[in-house]
Amino acid sequence: MSRNSKLISENLREEIAKELGVYDQVKKDGGSWANVPSKTCGNIVTKAIEIANRSVEK
């Protein structure tokens, strides 16, 4: 796990991964994100930022 892994909560990361259809792969790999493509990880971060922006706007 990277040193910045705490920036996004594990629950939020899992929720977004489910939306993007990659959570089953992570679960199958024992919770390892090593086989998730970097583009998908970037999409997870983008989605998390969108969620954070919406919560700030409220």
N, C-alpha and C. Protein backbone atom coordinates (compact mmCIF):
# COMPACT_ATOMS: atom_id res chain seq x y z
N MET A 1 0.85 -1.18 0.00
CA MET A 1 0.00 0.00 0.00
C MET A 1 0.89 1.23 0.00
N SER A 2 0.53 2.21 -0.77
CA SER A 2 1.36 3.41 -0.87
C SER A 2 1.24 4.27 0.37
N ARG A 3 2.17 5.18 0.53
CA ARG A 3 2.17 6.04 1.71
C ARG A 3 0.98 7.00 1.73
N ASN A 4 0.35 7.24 0.59
CA ASN A 4 -0.80 8.14 0.50
C ASN A 4 -2.13 7.39 0.53
N SER A 5 -2.10 6.12 0.89
CA SER A 5 -3.32 5.32 0.83
C SER A 5 -4.39 5.79 1.80
N LYS A 6 -4.05 6.56 2.80
CA LYS A 6 -5.02 7.03 3.78
C LYS A 6 -5.78 8.27 3.31
N LEU A 7 -5.45 8.81 2.15
CA LEU A 7 -6.13 9.99 1.64
C LEU A 7 -7.58 9.68 1.25
N ILE A 8 -7.83 8.46 0.84
CA ILE A 8 -9.18 8.02 0.51
C ILE A 8 -9.49 6.87 1.46
N SER A 9 -10.61 6.95 2.16
CA SER A 9 -10.95 5.87 3.09
C SER A 9 -11.13 4.56 2.32
N GLU A 10 -10.85 3.49 3.00
CA GLU A 10 -10.98 2.17 2.38
C GLU A 10 -12.42 1.93 1.92
N ASN A 11 -13.38 2.35 2.72
CA ASN A 11 -14.80 2.17 2.34
C ASN A 11 -15.15 2.92 1.07
N LEU A 12 -14.69 4.16 0.96
CA LEU A 12 -14.97 4.95 -0.24
C LEU A 12 -14.28 4.33 -1.45
N ARG A 13 -13.04 3.92 -1.28
CA ARG A 13 -12.32 3.30 -2.39
C ARG A 13 -13.03 2.04 -2.87
N GLU A 14 -13.49 1.22 -1.93
CA GLU A 14 -14.20 0.00 -2.31
C GLU A 14 -15.52 0.31 -3.00
N GLU A 15 -16.24 1.31 -2.50
CA GLU A 15 -17.52 1.70 -3.11
C GLU A 15 -17.32 2.15 -4.55
N ILE A 16 -16.31 2.97 -4.77
CA ILE A 16 -16.03 3.46 -6.13
C ILE A 16 -15.55 2.32 -7.02
N ALA A 17 -14.72 1.43 -6.47
CA ALA A 17 -14.24 0.28 -7.24
C ALA A 17 -15.41 -0.60 -7.67
N LYS A 18 -16.40 -0.74 -6.81
CA LYS A 18 -17.59 -1.50 -7.18
C LYS A 18 -18.32 -0.82 -8.34
N GLU A 19 -18.44 0.51 -8.27
CA GLU A 19 -19.09 1.25 -9.35
C GLU A 19 -18.35 1.08 -10.67
N LEU A 20 -17.03 1.03 -10.60
CA LEU A 20 -16.22 0.92 -11.81
C LEU A 20 -16.02 -0.53 -12.25
N GLY A 21 -16.51 -1.47 -11.45
CA GLY A 21 -16.45 -2.87 -11.83
C GLY A 21 -15.11 -3.56 -11.60
N VAL A 22 -14.27 -3.03 -10.72
CA VAL A 22 -12.98 -3.67 -10.49
C VAL A 22 -12.85 -4.26 -9.08
N TYR A 23 -13.86 -4.07 -8.25
CA TYR A 23 -13.76 -4.54 -6.87
C TYR A 23 -13.65 -6.06 -6.81
N ASP A 24 -14.34 -6.78 -7.67
CA ASP A 24 -14.26 -8.24 -7.65
C ASP A 24 -12.83 -8.72 -7.87
N GLN A 25 -12.09 -8.05 -8.75
CA GLN A 25 -10.69 -8.40 -8.98
C GLN A 25 -9.85 -8.16 -7.73
N VAL A 26 -10.08 -7.04 -7.06
CA VAL A 26 -9.34 -6.71 -5.83
C VAL A 26 -9.65 -7.75 -4.77
N LYS A 27 -10.92 -8.08 -4.63
CA LYS A 27 -11.34 -9.06 -3.63
C LYS A 27 -10.72 -10.43 -3.94
N LYS A 28 -10.72 -10.80 -5.22
CA LYS A 28 -10.16 -12.09 -5.64
C LYS A 28 -8.66 -12.14 -5.35
N ASP A 29 -8.00 -11.01 -5.45
CA ASP A 29 -6.55 -10.93 -5.20
C ASP A 29 -6.23 -10.74 -3.72
N GLY A 30 -7.21 -10.95 -2.86
CA GLY A 30 -6.97 -10.84 -1.42
C GLY A 30 -6.82 -9.41 -0.92
N GLY A 31 -7.45 -8.48 -1.59
CA GLY A 31 -7.40 -7.08 -1.17
C GLY A 31 -6.25 -6.31 -1.79
N SER A 32 -5.50 -6.96 -2.66
CA SER A 32 -4.37 -6.29 -3.31
C SER A 32 -4.86 -5.50 -4.52
N TRP A 33 -4.37 -4.27 -4.61
CA TRP A 33 -4.71 -3.40 -5.73
C TRP A 33 -3.66 -3.48 -6.83
N ALA A 34 -2.71 -4.38 -6.71
CA ALA A 34 -1.58 -4.46 -7.63
C ALA A 34 -2.01 -4.76 -9.07
N ASN A 35 -3.08 -5.49 -9.26
CA ASN A 35 -3.51 -5.87 -10.61
C ASN A 35 -4.54 -4.92 -11.20
N VAL A 36 -4.84 -3.84 -10.48
CA VAL A 36 -5.78 -2.84 -11.01
C VAL A 36 -4.97 -1.86 -11.86
N PRO A 37 -5.38 -1.65 -13.11
CA PRO A 37 -4.63 -0.75 -13.99
C PRO A 37 -4.55 0.67 -13.41
N SER A 38 -3.44 1.34 -13.68
CA SER A 38 -3.24 2.70 -13.15
C SER A 38 -4.33 3.65 -13.65
N LYS A 39 -4.81 3.44 -14.86
CA LYS A 39 -5.89 4.28 -15.38
C LYS A 39 -7.14 4.15 -14.52
N THR A 40 -7.45 2.94 -14.10
CA THR A 40 -8.60 2.71 -13.24
C THR A 40 -8.39 3.34 -11.87
N CYS A 41 -7.18 3.24 -11.34
CA CYS A 41 -6.87 3.89 -10.06
C CYS A 41 -7.05 5.41 -10.19
N GLY A 42 -6.64 5.96 -11.31
CA GLY A 42 -6.85 7.38 -11.56
C GLY A 42 -8.32 7.73 -11.62
N ASN A 43 -9.12 6.84 -12.22
CA ASN A 43 -10.56 7.06 -12.27
C ASN A 43 -11.18 7.03 -10.86
N ILE A 44 -10.64 6.18 -10.00
CA ILE A 44 -11.11 6.12 -8.62
C ILE A 44 -10.82 7.44 -7.92
N VAL A 45 -9.63 7.96 -8.11
CA VAL A 45 -9.25 9.24 -7.50
C VAL A 45 -10.13 10.36 -8.03
N THR A 46 -10.36 10.38 -9.35
CA THR A 46 -11.20 11.40 -9.95
C THR A 46 -12.61 11.36 -9.37
N LYS A 47 -13.16 10.18 -9.24
CA LYS A 47 -14.51 10.02 -8.68
C LYS A 47 -14.53 10.47 -7.22
N ALA A 48 -13.50 10.16 -6.45
CA ALA A 48 -13.43 10.57 -5.05
C ALA A 48 -13.38 12.10 -4.94
N ILE A 49 -12.65 12.72 -5.84
CA ILE A 49 -12.57 14.19 -5.85
C ILE A 49 -13.95 14.78 -6.18
N GLU A 50 -14.65 14.19 -7.14
CA GLU A 50 -15.99 14.66 -7.47
C GLU A 50 -16.92 14.56 -6.26
N ILE A 51 -16.85 13.45 -5.55
CA ILE A 51 -17.68 13.25 -4.36
C ILE A 51 -17.33 14.29 -3.30
N ALA A 52 -16.03 14.52 -3.09
CA ALA A 52 -15.59 15.50 -2.09
C ALA A 52 -16.06 16.90 -2.46
N ASN A 53 -15.97 17.25 -3.73
CA ASN A 53 -16.42 18.57 -4.18
C ASN A 53 -17.91 18.76 -3.97
N ARG A 54 -18.68 17.71 -4.24
CA ARG A 54 -20.13 17.81 -4.04
C ARG A 54 -20.45 17.99 -2.55
N SER A 55 -19.73 17.31 -1.68
CA SER A 55 -20.02 17.42 -0.25
C SER A 55 -19.63 18.80 0.27
N VAL A 56 -18.59 19.42 -0.29
CA VAL A 56 -18.20 20.76 0.12
C VAL A 56 -19.21 21.79 -0.35
N GLU A 57 -19.77 21.58 -1.52
CA GLU A 57 -20.74 22.52 -2.08
C GLU A 57 -22.06 22.55 -1.30
N LYS A 58 -22.36 21.48 -0.60
CA LYS A 58 -23.62 21.41 0.16
C LYS A 58 -23.61 22.26 1.37
